């Protein structure tokens, strides 16, 4: 009994340590690709496939985080949120925070963008 209990505790400690290491290595650019954000918002986060989808590059991080959390929870259920909700169930809150930090630091306009100031 003691052996099994020790093994269980050791395994649990290893799993917790592994997830802590994984959290430290999260990368916004990688998450943007792996969570398929680029599919709708464009590979540069500023060329969405439809005009009603937002350009995410350079957007305010707290604003984006609130929108993502609201869409995931169902508090926001208008427009194209159904598609986002389908993707956001795969994204943890910690990953959302990494994503919005990455996206907020991207330049919001490309040199060839006609909307650029």
C-alpha atoms as a PDB file:
ATOM      1  CA  UNK A   1       0.000   0.000   0.000  1.00  0.00           C
ATOM      2  CA  UNK A   2       2.765   2.438   0.932  1.00  0.00           C
ATOM      3  CA  UNK A   3       4.623   1.656  -2.284  1.00  0.00           C
ATOM      4  CA  UNK A   4       1.575   2.379  -4.418  1.00  0.00           C
ATOM      5  CA  UNK A   5       0.909   5.595  -2.546  1.00  0.00           C
ATOM      6  CA  UNK A   6       4.535   6.712  -2.980  1.00  0.00           C
ATOM      7  CA  UNK A   7       4.395   5.916  -6.682  1.00  0.00           C
ATOM      8  CA  UNK A   8       1.166   7.865  -7.045  1.00  0.00           C
ATOM      9  CA  UNK A   9       2.598  10.924  -5.277  1.00  0.00           C
ATOM     10  CA  UNK A  10       5.811  10.758  -7.295  1.00  0.00           C
ATOM     11  CA  UNK A  11       3.842  10.529 -10.552  1.00  0.00           C
ATOM     12  CA  UNK A  12       1.641  13.439  -9.550  1.00  0.00           C
ATOM     13  CA  UNK A  13       4.654  15.578  -8.650  1.00  0.00           C
ATOM     14  CA  UNK A  14       6.258  14.765 -12.008  1.00  0.00           C
ATOM     15  CA  UNK A  15       3.088  15.706 -13.888  1.00  0.00           C
ATOM     16  CA  UNK A  16       2.801  19.007 -12.033  1.00  0.00           C
ATOM     17  CA  UNK A  17       6.451  19.822 -12.697  1.00  0.00           C
ATOM     18  CA  UNK A  18       6.042  18.944 -16.386  1.00  0.00           C
ATOM     19  CA  UNK A  19       3.065  21.254 -16.782  1.00  0.00           C
ATOM     20  CA  UNK A  20       4.957  24.082 -15.058  1.00  0.00           C
ATOM     21  CA  UNK A  21       7.827  23.696 -17.523  1.00  0.00           C
ATOM     22  CA  UNK A  22       5.409  23.617 -20.447  1.00  0.00           C
ATOM     23  CA  UNK A  23       3.782  26.831 -19.201  1.00  0.00           C
ATOM     24  CA  UNK A  24       7.138  28.579 -19.183  1.00  0.00           C
ATOM     25  CA  UNK A  25       7.831  27.616 -22.788  1.00  0.00           C
ATOM     26  CA  UNK A  26       4.584  28.853 -24.339  1.00  0.00           C
ATOM     27  CA  UNK A  27       5.240  30.911 -27.437  1.00  0.00           C
ATOM     28  CA  UNK A  28       2.598  33.214 -28.912  1.00  0.00           C
ATOM     29  CA  UNK A  29       3.705  32.791 -32.507  1.00  0.00           C
ATOM     30  CA  UNK A  30       3.612  29.005 -32.202  1.00  0.00           C
ATOM     31  CA  UNK A  31       0.235  29.074 -30.473  1.00  0.00           C
ATOM     32  CA  UNK A  32      -1.130  31.348 -33.216  1.00  0.00           C
ATOM     33  CA  UNK A  33      -0.242  28.653 -35.750  1.00  0.00           C
ATOM     34  CA  UNK A  34      -1.082  25.570 -33.679  1.00  0.00           C
ATOM     35  CA  UNK A  35      -4.486  26.842 -32.558  1.00  0.00           C
ATOM     36  CA  UNK A  36      -5.243  27.737 -36.202  1.00  0.00           C
ATOM     37  CA  UNK A  37      -5.834  31.450 -35.538  1.00  0.00           C
ATOM     38  CA  UNK A  38      -4.120  32.237 -38.848  1.00  0.00           C
ATOM     39  CA  UNK A  39      -6.858  30.415 -40.766  1.00  0.00           C
ATOM     40  CA  UNK A  40      -9.318  33.278 -40.265  1.00  0.00           C
ATOM     41  CA  UNK A  41      -7.127  36.172 -39.111  1.00  0.00           C
ATOM     42  CA  UNK A  42      -4.349  35.699 -41.690  1.00  0.00           C
ATOM     43  CA  UNK A  43      -0.763  34.463 -41.281  1.00  0.00           C
ATOM     44  CA  UNK A  44       0.361  37.943 -40.196  1.00  0.00           C
ATOM     45  CA  UNK A  45      -2.714  38.561 -37.972  1.00  0.00           C
ATOM     46  CA  UNK A  46      -3.572  41.584 -40.118  1.00  0.00           C
ATOM     47  CA  UNK A  47      -5.090  40.060 -43.245  1.00  0.00           C
ATOM     48  CA  UNK A  48      -8.299  38.239 -42.241  1.00  0.00           C
ATOM     49  CA  UNK A  49     -10.089  36.093 -44.804  1.00  0.00           C
ATOM     50  CA  UNK A  50     -13.332  38.075 -44.434  1.00  0.00           C
ATOM     51  CA  UNK A  51     -13.693  41.820 -43.885  1.00  0.00           C
ATOM     52  CA  UNK A  52     -15.816  41.312 -40.756  1.00  0.00           C
ATOM     53  CA  UNK A  53     -13.049  39.336 -39.017  1.00  0.00           C
ATOM     54  CA  UNK A  54     -10.791  41.606 -36.963  1.00  0.00           C
ATOM     55  CA  UNK A  55      -7.158  42.364 -37.609  1.00  0.00           C
ATOM     56  CA  UNK A  56      -5.479  41.204 -34.411  1.00  0.00           C
ATOM     57  CA  UNK A  57      -1.970  42.596 -34.883  1.00  0.00           C
ATOM     58  CA  UNK A  58      -1.385  45.550 -32.581  1.00  0.00           C
ATOM     59  CA  UNK A  59      -4.754  45.212 -30.858  1.00  0.00           C
ATOM     60  CA  UNK A  60      -5.095  46.044 -27.157  1.00  0.00           C
ATOM     61  CA  UNK A  61      -4.171  42.922 -25.111  1.00  0.00           C
ATOM     62  CA  UNK A  62      -6.742  43.310 -22.278  1.00  0.00           C
ATOM     63  CA  UNK A  63      -9.475  43.924 -24.865  1.00  0.00           C
ATOM     64  CA  UNK A  64      -8.567  40.800 -26.843  1.00  0.00           C
ATOM     65  CA  UNK A  65      -8.350  38.701 -23.683  1.00  0.00           C
ATOM     66  CA  UNK A  66     -11.812  39.843 -22.543  1.00  0.00           C
ATOM     67  CA  UNK A  67     -13.285  39.071 -25.978  1.00  0.00           C
ATOM     68  CA  UNK A  68     -11.731  35.604 -26.052  1.00  0.00           C
ATOM     69  CA  UNK A  69     -12.907  34.785 -22.524  1.00  0.00           C
ATOM     70  CA  UNK A  70     -16.416  36.070 -23.250  1.00  0.00           C
ATOM     71  CA  UNK A  71     -16.669  34.090 -26.474  1.00  0.00           C
ATOM     72  CA  UNK A  72     -15.364  30.927 -24.811  1.00  0.00           C
ATOM     73  CA  UNK A  73     -17.794  31.224 -21.884  1.00  0.00           C
ATOM     74  CA  UNK A  74     -20.753  32.105 -24.101  1.00  0.00           C
ATOM     75  CA  UNK A  75     -21.151  35.582 -22.567  1.00  0.00           C
ATOM     76  CA  UNK A  76     -20.573  36.957 -26.080  1.00  0.00           C
ATOM     77  CA  UNK A  77     -22.561  35.104 -28.717  1.00  0.00           C
ATOM     78  CA  UNK A  78     -23.026  37.507 -31.616  1.00  0.00           C
ATOM     79  CA  UNK A  79     -21.628  37.829 -35.118  1.00  0.00           C
ATOM     80  CA  UNK A  80     -19.067  35.167 -35.946  1.00  0.00           C
ATOM     81  CA  UNK A  81     -18.506  33.987 -32.394  1.00  0.00           C
ATOM     82  CA  UNK A  82     -19.732  30.443 -33.149  1.00  0.00           C
ATOM     83  CA  UNK A  83     -16.606  29.765 -35.207  1.00  0.00           C
ATOM     84  CA  UNK A  84     -14.362  31.242 -32.520  1.00  0.00           C
ATOM     85  CA  UNK A  85     -16.063  29.264 -29.781  1.00  0.00           C
ATOM     86  CA  UNK A  86     -15.317  26.065 -31.674  1.00  0.00           C
ATOM     87  CA  UNK A  87     -11.615  26.879 -31.591  1.00  0.00           C
ATOM     88  CA  UNK A  88     -11.412  28.443 -28.129  1.00  0.00           C
ATOM     89  CA  UNK A  89     -12.451  25.248 -26.367  1.00  0.00           C
ATOM     90  CA  UNK A  90      -8.930  24.035 -27.260  1.00  0.00           C
ATOM     91  CA  UNK A  91      -7.206  27.110 -25.774  1.00  0.00           C
ATOM     92  CA  UNK A  92      -6.438  27.439 -22.072  1.00  0.00           C
ATOM     93  CA  UNK A  93      -6.627  30.751 -20.243  1.00  0.00           C
ATOM     94  CA  UNK A  94      -2.854  30.782 -19.928  1.00  0.00           C
ATOM     95  CA  UNK A  95      -2.490  30.253 -23.679  1.00  0.00           C
ATOM     96  CA  UNK A  96      -4.948  33.099 -24.313  1.00  0.00           C
ATOM     97  CA  UNK A  97      -2.770  35.398 -22.229  1.00  0.00           C
ATOM     98  CA  UNK A  98       0.336  34.409 -24.188  1.00  0.00           C
ATOM     99  CA  UNK A  99      -1.503  34.866 -27.495  1.00  0.00           C
ATOM    100  CA  UNK A 100      -2.800  38.345 -26.699  1.00  0.00           C
ATOM    101  CA  UNK A 101       0.626  39.503 -25.514  1.00  0.00           C
ATOM    102  CA  UNK A 102       2.166  38.254 -28.754  1.00  0.00           C
ATOM    103  CA  UNK A 103      -0.540  39.795 -30.949  1.00  0.00           C
ATOM    104  CA  UNK A 104      -0.520  43.153 -29.165  1.00  0.00           C
ATOM    105  CA  UNK A 105       3.205  43.511 -29.866  1.00  0.00           C
ATOM    106  CA  UNK A 106       2.908  42.954 -33.612  1.00  0.00           C
ATOM    107  CA  UNK A 107       2.932  45.978 -35.904  1.00  0.00           C
ATOM    108  CA  UNK A 108      -0.662  46.757 -36.794  1.00  0.00           C
ATOM    109  CA  UNK A 109      -0.097  47.716 -40.451  1.00  0.00           C
ATOM    110  CA  UNK A 110       2.143  46.432 -43.183  1.00  0.00           C
ATOM    111  CA  UNK A 111       3.965  48.855 -45.486  1.00  0.00           C
ATOM    112  CA  UNK A 112       1.716  47.845 -48.404  1.00  0.00           C
ATOM    113  CA  UNK A 113      -1.507  48.149 -46.386  1.00  0.00           C
ATOM    114  CA  UNK A 114      -3.652  50.938 -47.914  1.00  0.00           C
ATOM    115  CA  UNK A 115      -5.151  51.658 -44.470  1.00  0.00           C
ATOM    116  CA  UNK A 116      -1.737  52.375 -42.992  1.00  0.00           C
ATOM    117  CA  UNK A 117      -1.320  55.941 -41.694  1.00  0.00           C
END
